[in-house]
Amino acid sequence: MKKHLINWAISIVAIMVAAYLIPGVYVSGVFTALVVAVVLGLLNIFIRPIILILTLPINILTLGLFTLVINAGIVLLAGKIVDGFVVSEFWTALIFGLVLSLVNSVFHIKKD
Protein backbone atom coordinates (compact mmCIF):
# COMPACT_ATOMS: atom_id res chain seq x y z
CA MET A 1 0.00 0.00 0.00
CA LYS A 2 2.85 2.37 0.85
CA LYS A 3 4.46 1.70 -2.54
CA HIS A 4 1.23 2.63 -4.35
CA LEU A 5 0.92 5.89 -2.42
CA ILE A 6 4.53 6.77 -3.24
CA ASN A 7 3.94 6.02 -6.95
CA TRP A 8 0.80 8.14 -6.85
CA ALA A 9 2.69 11.04 -5.24
CA ILE A 10 5.41 10.73 -7.88
CA SER A 11 2.77 10.89 -10.62
CA ILE A 12 1.29 14.03 -9.08
CA VAL A 13 4.71 15.69 -8.93
CA ALA A 14 5.41 14.59 -12.51
CA ILE A 15 2.14 16.14 -13.71
CA MET A 16 2.89 19.40 -11.90
CA VAL A 17 6.46 19.52 -13.28
CA ALA A 18 5.31 18.74 -16.83
CA ALA A 19 2.57 21.38 -16.62
CA TYR A 20 5.13 23.93 -15.39
CA LEU A 21 7.61 23.13 -18.17
CA ILE A 22 5.22 22.99 -21.13
CA PRO A 23 3.37 26.07 -22.33
CA GLY A 24 -0.19 25.18 -23.30
CA VAL A 25 -0.76 22.85 -20.33
CA TYR A 26 -2.53 24.23 -17.28
CA VAL A 27 -3.18 22.47 -13.98
CA SER A 28 -5.12 24.58 -11.49
CA GLY A 29 -3.65 23.00 -8.36
CA VAL A 30 -2.38 19.96 -6.52
CA PHE A 31 -5.87 18.49 -6.09
CA THR A 32 -6.44 18.79 -9.83
CA ALA A 33 -3.10 17.05 -10.43
CA LEU A 34 -4.29 14.27 -8.10
CA VAL A 35 -7.50 13.89 -10.10
CA VAL A 36 -5.53 13.96 -13.38
CA ALA A 37 -3.24 11.21 -12.07
CA VAL A 38 -6.25 9.05 -11.19
CA VAL A 39 -8.01 9.72 -14.50
CA LEU A 40 -4.86 9.05 -16.55
CA GLY A 41 -4.31 5.85 -14.58
CA LEU A 42 -7.87 4.67 -15.20
CA LEU A 43 -7.72 5.56 -18.89
CA ASN A 44 -4.41 3.72 -19.21
CA ILE A 45 -5.88 0.65 -17.49
CA PHE A 46 -9.19 0.44 -19.35
CA ILE A 47 -9.02 2.37 -22.65
CA ARG A 48 -5.37 2.15 -23.75
CA PRO A 49 -5.20 -1.67 -24.17
CA ILE A 50 -8.31 -1.66 -26.36
CA ILE A 51 -6.95 1.12 -28.55
CA LEU A 52 -3.55 -0.60 -28.78
CA ILE A 53 -5.17 -3.82 -30.01
CA LEU A 54 -7.36 -1.99 -32.52
CA THR A 55 -4.39 -0.05 -33.91
CA LEU A 56 -1.92 -2.91 -33.86
CA PRO A 57 -1.34 -2.98 -37.66
CA ILE A 58 -0.46 0.73 -37.85
CA ASN A 59 1.60 0.38 -34.69
CA ILE A 60 3.61 -2.41 -36.31
CA LEU A 61 4.07 -0.36 -39.50
CA THR A 62 5.35 2.63 -37.53
CA LEU A 63 7.54 0.44 -35.31
CA GLY A 64 5.61 1.45 -32.21
CA LEU A 65 5.72 5.21 -32.75
CA PHE A 66 1.93 5.34 -33.13
CA THR A 67 1.81 4.61 -29.38
CA LEU A 68 2.89 8.23 -28.87
CA VAL A 69 -0.22 9.33 -30.77
CA ILE A 70 -2.36 7.09 -28.56
CA ASN A 71 -0.76 8.55 -25.42
CA ALA A 72 -1.43 12.08 -26.68
CA GLY A 73 -5.05 11.17 -27.34
CA ILE A 74 -5.39 9.83 -23.81
CA VAL A 75 -3.92 13.06 -22.41
CA LEU A 76 -6.37 15.10 -24.53
CA LEU A 77 -9.24 12.92 -23.28
CA ALA A 78 -8.14 13.49 -19.69
CA GLY A 79 -8.10 17.22 -20.44
CA LYS A 80 -11.74 16.99 -21.54
CA ILE A 81 -12.76 14.97 -18.47
CA VAL A 82 -11.01 16.87 -15.67
CA ASP A 83 -11.97 20.46 -14.86
CA GLY A 84 -8.92 22.59 -14.18
CA PHE A 85 -6.67 20.57 -16.50
CA VAL A 86 -6.27 22.17 -19.91
CA VAL A 87 -4.20 20.91 -22.82
CA SER A 88 -4.29 23.35 -25.72
CA GLU A 89 -3.58 21.09 -28.73
CA PHE A 90 -2.42 17.69 -29.94
CA TRP A 91 1.30 18.54 -30.14
CA THR A 92 1.20 19.94 -26.63
CA ALA A 93 -0.41 16.71 -25.44
CA LEU A 94 2.29 14.70 -27.23
CA ILE A 95 5.07 16.68 -25.56
CA PHE A 96 3.25 16.50 -22.21
CA GLY A 97 3.10 12.71 -22.47
CA LEU A 98 6.82 12.54 -23.26
CA VAL A 99 7.80 14.86 -20.40
CA LEU A 100 5.48 12.99 -18.03
CA SER A 101 7.16 9.71 -18.98
CA LEU A 102 10.63 11.20 -18.55
CA VAL A 103 9.86 12.72 -15.14
CA ASN A 104 8.20 9.50 -13.97
CA SER A 105 11.17 7.43 -15.07
CA VAL A 106 13.65 9.78 -13.36
CA PHE A 107 11.72 9.61 -10.09
CA HIS A 108 11.32 5.82 -10.30
CA ILE A 109 15.04 5.10 -10.67
CA LYS A 110 15.92 2.63 -7.94
CA LYS A 111 19.01 3.27 -5.92
CA ASP A 112 20.84 0.00 -5.27
C-alpha atoms as a PDB file:
ATOM      1  CA  MET A   1       0.000   0.000   0.000  1.00  0.00           C
ATOM      2  CA  LYS A   2       2.847   2.371   0.852  1.00  0.00           C
ATOM      3  CA  LYS A   3       4.457   1.695  -2.539  1.00  0.00           C
ATOM      4  CA  HIS A   4       1.228   2.627  -4.354  1.00  0.00           C
ATOM      5  CA  LEU A   5       0.922   5.892  -2.424  1.00  0.00           C
ATOM      6  CA  ILE A   6       4.529   6.770  -3.244  1.00  0.00           C
ATOM      7  CA  ASN A   7       3.939   6.024  -6.951  1.00  0.00           C
ATOM      8  CA  TRP A   8       0.797   8.143  -6.853  1.00  0.00           C
ATOM      9  CA  ALA A   9       2.685  11.035  -5.243  1.00  0.00           C
ATOM     10  CA  ILE A  10       5.409  10.728  -7.884  1.00  0.00           C
ATOM     11  CA  SER A  11       2.774  10.887 -10.620  1.00  0.00           C
ATOM     12  CA  ILE A  12       1.285  14.025  -9.080  1.00  0.00           C
ATOM     13  CA  VAL A  13       4.705  15.687  -8.929  1.00  0.00           C
ATOM     14  CA  ALA A  14       5.406  14.591 -12.514  1.00  0.00           C
ATOM     15  CA  ILE A  15       2.143  16.139 -13.710  1.00  0.00           C
ATOM     16  CA  MET A  16       2.894  19.396 -11.903  1.00  0.00           C
ATOM     17  CA  VAL A  17       6.460  19.524 -13.281  1.00  0.00           C
ATOM     18  CA  ALA A  18       5.314  18.740 -16.829  1.00  0.00           C
ATOM     19  CA  ALA A  19       2.571  21.378 -16.620  1.00  0.00           C
ATOM     20  CA  TYR A  20       5.125  23.926 -15.393  1.00  0.00           C
ATOM     21  CA  LEU A  21       7.611  23.130 -18.171  1.00  0.00           C
ATOM     22  CA  ILE A  22       5.223  22.991 -21.132  1.00  0.00           C
ATOM     23  CA  PRO A  23       3.366  26.065 -22.335  1.00  0.00           C
ATOM     24  CA  GLY A  24      -0.187  25.175 -23.297  1.00  0.00           C
ATOM     25  CA  VAL A  25      -0.761  22.852 -20.334  1.00  0.00           C
ATOM     26  CA  TYR A  26      -2.533  24.235 -17.280  1.00  0.00           C
ATOM     27  CA  VAL A  27      -3.177  22.466 -13.981  1.00  0.00           C
ATOM     28  CA  SER A  28      -5.115  24.584 -11.492  1.00  0.00           C
ATOM     29  CA  GLY A  29      -3.648  22.999  -8.361  1.00  0.00           C
ATOM     30  CA  VAL A  30      -2.381  19.961  -6.523  1.00  0.00           C
ATOM     31  CA  PHE A  31      -5.868  18.491  -6.085  1.00  0.00           C
ATOM     32  CA  THR A  32      -6.442  18.786  -9.831  1.00  0.00           C
ATOM     33  CA  ALA A  33      -3.099  17.052 -10.428  1.00  0.00           C
ATOM     34  CA  LEU A  34      -4.286  14.267  -8.104  1.00  0.00           C
ATOM     35  CA  VAL A  35      -7.496  13.888 -10.099  1.00  0.00           C
ATOM     36  CA  VAL A  36      -5.534  13.958 -13.382  1.00  0.00           C
ATOM     37  CA  ALA A  37      -3.238  11.208 -12.068  1.00  0.00           C
ATOM     38  CA  VAL A  38      -6.249   9.054 -11.186  1.00  0.00           C
ATOM     39  CA  VAL A  39      -8.008   9.715 -14.504  1.00  0.00           C
ATOM     40  CA  LEU A  40      -4.860   9.049 -16.547  1.00  0.00           C
ATOM     41  CA  GLY A  41      -4.306   5.851 -14.582  1.00  0.00           C
ATOM     42  CA  LEU A  42      -7.865   4.667 -15.198  1.00  0.00           C
ATOM     43  CA  LEU A  43      -7.721   5.561 -18.892  1.00  0.00           C
ATOM     44  CA  ASN A  44      -4.409   3.718 -19.208  1.00  0.00           C
ATOM     45  CA  ILE A  45      -5.881   0.653 -17.493  1.00  0.00           C
ATOM     46  CA  PHE A  46      -9.195   0.442 -19.351  1.00  0.00           C
ATOM     47  CA  ILE A  47      -9.022   2.367 -22.652  1.00  0.00           C
ATOM     48  CA  ARG A  48      -5.368   2.151 -23.747  1.00  0.00           C
ATOM     49  CA  PRO A  49      -5.204  -1.672 -24.168  1.00  0.00           C
ATOM     50  CA  ILE A  50      -8.314  -1.664 -26.360  1.00  0.00           C
ATOM     51  CA  ILE A  51      -6.945   1.117 -28.550  1.00  0.00           C
ATOM     52  CA  LEU A  52      -3.553  -0.601 -28.782  1.00  0.00           C
ATOM     53  CA  ILE A  53      -5.172  -3.824 -30.007  1.00  0.00           C
ATOM     54  CA  LEU A  54      -7.355  -1.993 -32.524  1.00  0.00           C
ATOM     55  CA  THR A  55      -4.392  -0.045 -33.911  1.00  0.00           C
ATOM     56  CA  LEU A  56      -1.916  -2.914 -33.861  1.00  0.00           C
ATOM     57  CA  PRO A  57      -1.343  -2.979 -37.662  1.00  0.00           C
ATOM     58  CA  ILE A  58      -0.464   0.730 -37.850  1.00  0.00           C
ATOM     59  CA  ASN A  59       1.598   0.378 -34.687  1.00  0.00           C
ATOM     60  CA  ILE A  60       3.608  -2.405 -36.313  1.00  0.00           C
ATOM     61  CA  LEU A  61       4.073  -0.363 -39.499  1.00  0.00           C
ATOM     62  CA  THR A  62       5.346   2.629 -37.528  1.00  0.00           C
ATOM     63  CA  LEU A  63       7.544   0.436 -35.310  1.00  0.00           C
ATOM     64  CA  GLY A  64       5.610   1.452 -32.207  1.00  0.00           C
ATOM     65  CA  LEU A  65       5.724   5.210 -32.749  1.00  0.00           C
ATOM     66  CA  PHE A  66       1.933   5.337 -33.126  1.00  0.00           C
ATOM     67  CA  THR A  67       1.812   4.611 -29.384  1.00  0.00           C
ATOM     68  CA  LEU A  68       2.890   8.226 -28.875  1.00  0.00           C
ATOM     69  CA  VAL A  69      -0.219   9.335 -30.766  1.00  0.00           C
ATOM     70  CA  ILE A  70      -2.364   7.093 -28.562  1.00  0.00           C
ATOM     71  CA  ASN A  71      -0.759   8.553 -25.422  1.00  0.00           C
ATOM     72  CA  ALA A  72      -1.425  12.083 -26.684  1.00  0.00           C
ATOM     73  CA  GLY A  73      -5.048  11.165 -27.341  1.00  0.00           C
ATOM     74  CA  ILE A  74      -5.391   9.829 -23.805  1.00  0.00           C
ATOM     75  CA  VAL A  75      -3.919  13.063 -22.407  1.00  0.00           C
ATOM     76  CA  LEU A  76      -6.370  15.097 -24.528  1.00  0.00           C
ATOM     77  CA  LEU A  77      -9.240  12.924 -23.284  1.00  0.00           C
ATOM     78  CA  ALA A  78      -8.141  13.491 -19.688  1.00  0.00           C
ATOM     79  CA  GLY A  79      -8.102  17.217 -20.442  1.00  0.00           C
ATOM     80  CA  LYS A  80     -11.742  16.992 -21.545  1.00  0.00           C
ATOM     81  CA  ILE A  81     -12.761  14.967 -18.473  1.00  0.00           C
ATOM     82  CA  VAL A  82     -11.007  16.874 -15.674  1.00  0.00           C
ATOM     83  CA  ASP A  83     -11.967  20.460 -14.859  1.00  0.00           C
ATOM     84  CA  GLY A  84      -8.916  22.592 -14.178  1.00  0.00           C
ATOM     85  CA  PHE A  85      -6.666  20.566 -16.498  1.00  0.00           C
ATOM     86  CA  VAL A  86      -6.270  22.167 -19.905  1.00  0.00           C
ATOM     87  CA  VAL A  87      -4.203  20.907 -22.824  1.00  0.00           C
ATOM     88  CA  SER A  88      -4.289  23.346 -25.718  1.00  0.00           C
ATOM     89  CA  GLU A  89      -3.582  21.093 -28.726  1.00  0.00           C
ATOM     90  CA  PHE A  90      -2.419  17.690 -29.942  1.00  0.00           C
ATOM     91  CA  TRP A  91       1.299  18.545 -30.141  1.00  0.00           C
ATOM     92  CA  THR A  92       1.200  19.942 -26.634  1.00  0.00           C
ATOM     93  CA  ALA A  93      -0.409  16.711 -25.445  1.00  0.00           C
ATOM     94  CA  LEU A  94       2.292  14.702 -27.227  1.00  0.00           C
ATOM     95  CA  ILE A  95       5.073  16.682 -25.558  1.00  0.00           C
ATOM     96  CA  PHE A  96       3.248  16.500 -22.206  1.00  0.00           C
ATOM     97  CA  GLY A  97       3.099  12.711 -22.473  1.00  0.00           C
ATOM     98  CA  LEU A  98       6.821  12.539 -23.264  1.00  0.00           C
ATOM     99  CA  VAL A  99       7.801  14.858 -20.403  1.00  0.00           C
ATOM    100  CA  LEU A 100       5.478  12.990 -18.034  1.00  0.00           C
ATOM    101  CA  SER A 101       7.160   9.711 -18.981  1.00  0.00           C
ATOM    102  CA  LEU A 102      10.629  11.203 -18.548  1.00  0.00           C
ATOM    103  CA  VAL A 103       9.862  12.723 -15.145  1.00  0.00           C
ATOM    104  CA  ASN A 104       8.204   9.503 -13.965  1.00  0.00           C
ATOM    105  CA  SER A 105      11.172   7.434 -15.068  1.00  0.00           C
ATOM    106  CA  VAL A 106      13.652   9.777 -13.359  1.00  0.00           C
ATOM    107  CA  PHE A 107      11.723   9.613 -10.087  1.00  0.00           C
ATOM    108  CA  HIS A 108      11.316   5.823 -10.304  1.00  0.00           C
ATOM    109  CA  ILE A 109      15.044   5.095 -10.667  1.00  0.00           C
ATOM    110  CA  LYS A 110      15.918   2.626  -7.942  1.00  0.00           C
ATOM    111  CA  LYS A 111      19.006   3.271  -5.920  1.00  0.00           C
ATOM    112  CA  ASP A 112      20.841   0.005  -5.272  1.00  0.00           C
END
